[in-house]
N, C-alpha and C. Protein backbone atom coordinates (compact mmCIF):
# COMPACT_ATOMS: atom_id res chain seq x y z
N UNK A 1 100.76 -1.31 125.09
CA UNK A 1 99.63 -0.84 124.31
C UNK A 1 99.21 0.54 124.83
N UNK A 2 99.00 1.49 123.91
CA UNK A 2 98.60 2.85 124.27
C UNK A 2 97.09 2.97 124.09
N UNK A 3 96.44 3.44 125.15
CA UNK A 3 94.99 3.63 125.08
C UNK A 3 94.71 5.10 124.78
N UNK A 4 93.89 5.36 123.77
CA UNK A 4 93.50 6.72 123.44
C UNK A 4 92.34 7.18 124.31
N UNK A 5 91.87 8.36 124.03
CA UNK A 5 90.71 8.87 124.76
C UNK A 5 89.45 8.19 124.26
N UNK A 6 88.55 7.88 125.17
CA UNK A 6 87.25 7.33 124.79
C UNK A 6 86.29 8.50 124.54
N UNK A 7 85.15 8.21 123.96
CA UNK A 7 84.12 9.24 123.78
C UNK A 7 83.72 9.81 125.14
N UNK A 8 83.67 8.95 126.16
CA UNK A 8 83.33 9.43 127.51
C UNK A 8 84.36 10.44 128.00
N UNK A 9 85.65 10.16 127.78
CA UNK A 9 86.71 11.08 128.19
C UNK A 9 86.56 12.42 127.49
N UNK A 10 86.30 12.39 126.19
CA UNK A 10 86.15 13.63 125.41
C UNK A 10 84.95 14.41 125.91
N UNK A 11 83.83 13.72 126.14
CA UNK A 11 82.61 14.35 126.64
C UNK A 11 82.88 15.02 127.99
N UNK A 12 83.55 14.31 128.89
CA UNK A 12 83.88 14.86 130.21
C UNK A 12 84.75 16.10 130.10
N UNK A 13 85.77 16.03 129.24
CA UNK A 13 86.70 17.16 129.07
C UNK A 13 85.98 18.38 128.50
N UNK A 14 85.08 18.16 127.56
CA UNK A 14 84.32 19.28 126.99
C UNK A 14 83.37 19.88 128.03
N UNK A 15 82.77 19.02 128.84
CA UNK A 15 81.86 19.51 129.90
C UNK A 15 82.63 20.41 130.86
N UNK A 16 83.82 19.97 131.28
CA UNK A 16 84.64 20.75 132.22
C UNK A 16 85.14 22.04 131.56
N UNK A 17 85.65 21.93 130.34
CA UNK A 17 86.22 23.09 129.64
C UNK A 17 85.18 24.19 129.43
N UNK A 18 83.94 23.81 129.16
CA UNK A 18 82.88 24.79 128.90
C UNK A 18 82.04 25.07 130.15
N UNK A 19 82.42 24.45 131.27
CA UNK A 19 81.73 24.63 132.56
C UNK A 19 80.22 24.40 132.42
N UNK A 20 79.88 23.26 131.84
CA UNK A 20 78.48 22.94 131.58
C UNK A 20 77.89 22.05 132.68
N UNK A 21 76.67 22.39 133.08
CA UNK A 21 75.92 21.54 134.01
C UNK A 21 75.11 20.54 133.19
N UNK A 22 74.65 19.49 133.84
CA UNK A 22 73.88 18.46 133.13
C UNK A 22 72.66 19.03 132.43
N UNK A 23 71.94 19.96 133.09
CA UNK A 23 70.74 20.52 132.46
C UNK A 23 71.11 21.34 131.22
N UNK A 24 72.27 21.97 131.22
CA UNK A 24 72.72 22.72 130.04
C UNK A 24 73.05 21.76 128.89
N UNK A 25 73.65 20.62 129.22
CA UNK A 25 73.98 19.63 128.19
C UNK A 25 72.69 19.06 127.58
N UNK A 26 71.68 18.82 128.41
CA UNK A 26 70.39 18.34 127.91
C UNK A 26 69.81 19.37 126.93
N UNK A 27 69.91 20.67 127.28
CA UNK A 27 69.41 21.74 126.40
C UNK A 27 70.22 21.80 125.10
N UNK A 28 71.53 21.63 125.19
CA UNK A 28 72.39 21.66 124.00
C UNK A 28 72.01 20.52 123.05
N UNK A 29 71.78 19.34 123.60
CA UNK A 29 71.38 18.19 122.77
C UNK A 29 70.00 18.43 122.16
N UNK A 30 69.14 19.14 122.87
CA UNK A 30 67.80 19.45 122.35
C UNK A 30 67.88 20.37 121.13
N UNK A 31 68.95 21.17 121.03
CA UNK A 31 69.12 22.06 119.88
C UNK A 31 69.23 21.28 118.57
N UNK A 32 69.67 20.03 118.65
CA UNK A 32 69.77 19.18 117.46
C UNK A 32 68.73 18.05 117.51
N UNK A 33 67.63 18.31 118.24
CA UNK A 33 66.51 17.37 118.36
C UNK A 33 66.93 16.01 118.89
N UNK A 34 67.86 16.00 119.84
CA UNK A 34 68.29 14.75 120.48
C UNK A 34 67.86 14.83 121.94
N UNK A 35 66.96 13.94 122.33
CA UNK A 35 66.44 13.96 123.69
C UNK A 35 67.18 12.95 124.56
N UNK A 36 67.56 13.42 125.75
CA UNK A 36 68.24 12.56 126.71
C UNK A 36 67.90 13.07 128.11
N UNK A 37 67.77 12.16 129.07
CA UNK A 37 67.47 12.58 130.44
C UNK A 37 68.77 12.84 131.20
N UNK A 38 68.65 13.57 132.31
CA UNK A 38 69.83 13.85 133.13
C UNK A 38 70.44 12.56 133.68
N UNK A 39 69.59 11.58 134.03
CA UNK A 39 70.13 10.33 134.58
C UNK A 39 70.87 9.53 133.51
N UNK A 40 70.36 9.54 132.27
CA UNK A 40 71.08 8.87 131.18
C UNK A 40 72.42 9.56 130.95
N UNK A 41 72.39 10.87 131.00
CA UNK A 41 73.60 11.66 130.80
C UNK A 41 74.62 11.39 131.90
N UNK A 42 74.16 11.30 133.14
CA UNK A 42 75.04 11.05 134.28
C UNK A 42 75.80 9.73 134.16
N UNK A 43 75.21 8.76 133.46
CA UNK A 43 75.85 7.45 133.30
C UNK A 43 77.14 7.57 132.49
N UNK A 44 77.22 8.57 131.59
CA UNK A 44 78.43 8.75 130.79
C UNK A 44 79.58 9.33 131.61
N UNK A 45 79.24 10.05 132.67
CA UNK A 45 80.26 10.74 133.46
C UNK A 45 80.70 9.96 134.70
N UNK A 46 80.15 8.78 134.88
CA UNK A 46 80.53 7.94 136.02
C UNK A 46 81.88 7.27 135.79
N UNK A 47 82.43 6.73 136.87
CA UNK A 47 83.67 5.94 136.78
C UNK A 47 83.38 4.67 136.00
N UNK A 48 84.34 4.23 135.20
CA UNK A 48 84.15 3.01 134.38
C UNK A 48 83.79 1.79 135.21
N UNK A 49 84.19 1.75 136.46
CA UNK A 49 83.92 0.60 137.33
C UNK A 49 82.55 0.65 137.98
N UNK A 50 81.85 1.77 137.84
CA UNK A 50 80.53 1.94 138.46
C UNK A 50 79.51 1.05 137.73
N UNK A 51 78.61 0.41 138.48
CA UNK A 51 77.64 -0.49 137.82
C UNK A 51 76.70 0.22 136.84
N UNK A 52 76.46 1.52 137.02
CA UNK A 52 75.54 2.25 136.13
C UNK A 52 76.28 3.02 135.03
N UNK A 53 77.59 2.78 134.88
CA UNK A 53 78.39 3.42 133.84
C UNK A 53 77.89 2.98 132.47
N UNK A 54 77.82 3.94 131.54
CA UNK A 54 77.47 3.61 130.15
C UNK A 54 78.51 4.19 129.22
N UNK A 55 78.80 3.45 128.17
CA UNK A 55 79.74 3.93 127.16
C UNK A 55 79.03 4.95 126.27
N UNK A 56 79.68 6.06 126.00
CA UNK A 56 79.12 7.11 125.15
C UNK A 56 79.38 6.72 123.69
N UNK A 57 78.32 6.56 122.95
CA UNK A 57 78.45 6.17 121.55
C UNK A 57 78.81 7.35 120.66
N UNK A 58 79.23 7.05 119.45
CA UNK A 58 79.60 8.08 118.49
C UNK A 58 78.45 9.03 118.19
N UNK A 59 77.23 8.49 118.07
CA UNK A 59 76.07 9.30 117.72
C UNK A 59 75.80 10.36 118.79
N UNK A 60 75.90 9.99 120.06
CA UNK A 60 75.64 10.95 121.14
C UNK A 60 76.70 12.04 121.15
N UNK A 61 77.96 11.65 121.03
CA UNK A 61 79.04 12.64 121.01
C UNK A 61 78.91 13.56 119.80
N UNK A 62 78.59 13.00 118.64
CA UNK A 62 78.43 13.80 117.42
C UNK A 62 77.30 14.80 117.58
N UNK A 63 76.16 14.35 118.14
CA UNK A 63 75.03 15.26 118.36
C UNK A 63 75.38 16.34 119.37
N UNK A 64 76.13 15.97 120.41
CA UNK A 64 76.56 16.98 121.39
C UNK A 64 77.46 18.02 120.73
N UNK A 65 78.42 17.59 119.93
CA UNK A 65 79.32 18.53 119.26
C UNK A 65 78.56 19.46 118.32
N UNK A 66 77.61 18.91 117.56
CA UNK A 66 76.80 19.75 116.67
C UNK A 66 75.95 20.74 117.47
N UNK A 67 75.38 20.28 118.58
CA UNK A 67 74.60 21.16 119.44
C UNK A 67 75.47 22.23 120.09
N UNK A 68 76.68 21.85 120.47
CA UNK A 68 77.61 22.80 121.10
C UNK A 68 77.97 23.92 120.13
N UNK A 69 78.14 23.59 118.87
CA UNK A 69 78.44 24.61 117.85
C UNK A 69 77.28 25.60 117.78
N UNK A 70 76.05 25.09 117.74
CA UNK A 70 74.88 25.98 117.70
C UNK A 70 74.81 26.81 118.97
N UNK A 71 75.06 26.18 120.11
CA UNK A 71 75.02 26.86 121.41
C UNK A 71 76.03 28.01 121.46
N UNK A 72 77.23 27.78 120.94
CA UNK A 72 78.29 28.79 121.02
C UNK A 72 78.21 29.83 119.91
N UNK A 73 77.84 29.43 118.70
CA UNK A 73 77.85 30.34 117.56
C UNK A 73 76.48 30.80 117.11
N UNK A 74 75.45 30.08 117.52
CA UNK A 74 74.11 30.37 117.03
C UNK A 74 73.82 29.51 115.81
N UNK A 75 72.55 29.47 115.40
CA UNK A 75 72.20 28.65 114.24
C UNK A 75 72.84 29.19 112.96
N UNK A 76 73.10 28.28 112.03
CA UNK A 76 73.73 28.66 110.78
C UNK A 76 72.73 29.48 109.95
N UNK A 77 73.23 30.56 109.37
CA UNK A 77 72.38 31.40 108.55
C UNK A 77 72.06 30.67 107.25
N UNK A 78 70.84 30.89 106.78
CA UNK A 78 70.44 30.29 105.51
C UNK A 78 71.12 31.06 104.38
N UNK A 79 71.69 30.30 103.47
CA UNK A 79 72.33 30.93 102.32
C UNK A 79 71.27 31.24 101.27
N UNK A 80 71.36 32.43 100.72
CA UNK A 80 70.42 32.79 99.66
C UNK A 80 70.85 32.14 98.37
N UNK A 81 69.86 31.67 97.63
CA UNK A 81 70.16 31.06 96.33
C UNK A 81 70.45 32.18 95.34
N UNK A 82 71.43 31.97 94.48
CA UNK A 82 71.71 33.00 93.48
C UNK A 82 70.52 33.16 92.54
N UNK A 83 70.24 34.42 92.19
CA UNK A 83 69.11 34.69 91.30
C UNK A 83 69.52 34.42 89.86
N UNK A 84 68.60 33.75 89.14
CA UNK A 84 68.86 33.49 87.73
C UNK A 84 68.29 34.63 86.91
N UNK A 85 69.03 35.06 85.91
CA UNK A 85 68.56 36.17 85.06
C UNK A 85 67.86 35.66 83.85
């Protein structure tokens, strides 16, 4: 049986690739109005065998990815509505 990457694995790899500290990740999640504490965040990066390990859910990873886009590119510009003649 082949095991794929878990959300925790993806989160860890993104944190390392972008050289992000826990406080920066908390700020990135705040960009999409998602509040999380550093201790809650640390639970995702622990070893699976650690008693305080937590599985990273889809919602948290999705919010992090959306926040990361804003962090790297800036907020999306508002599109102007076409004027009716």
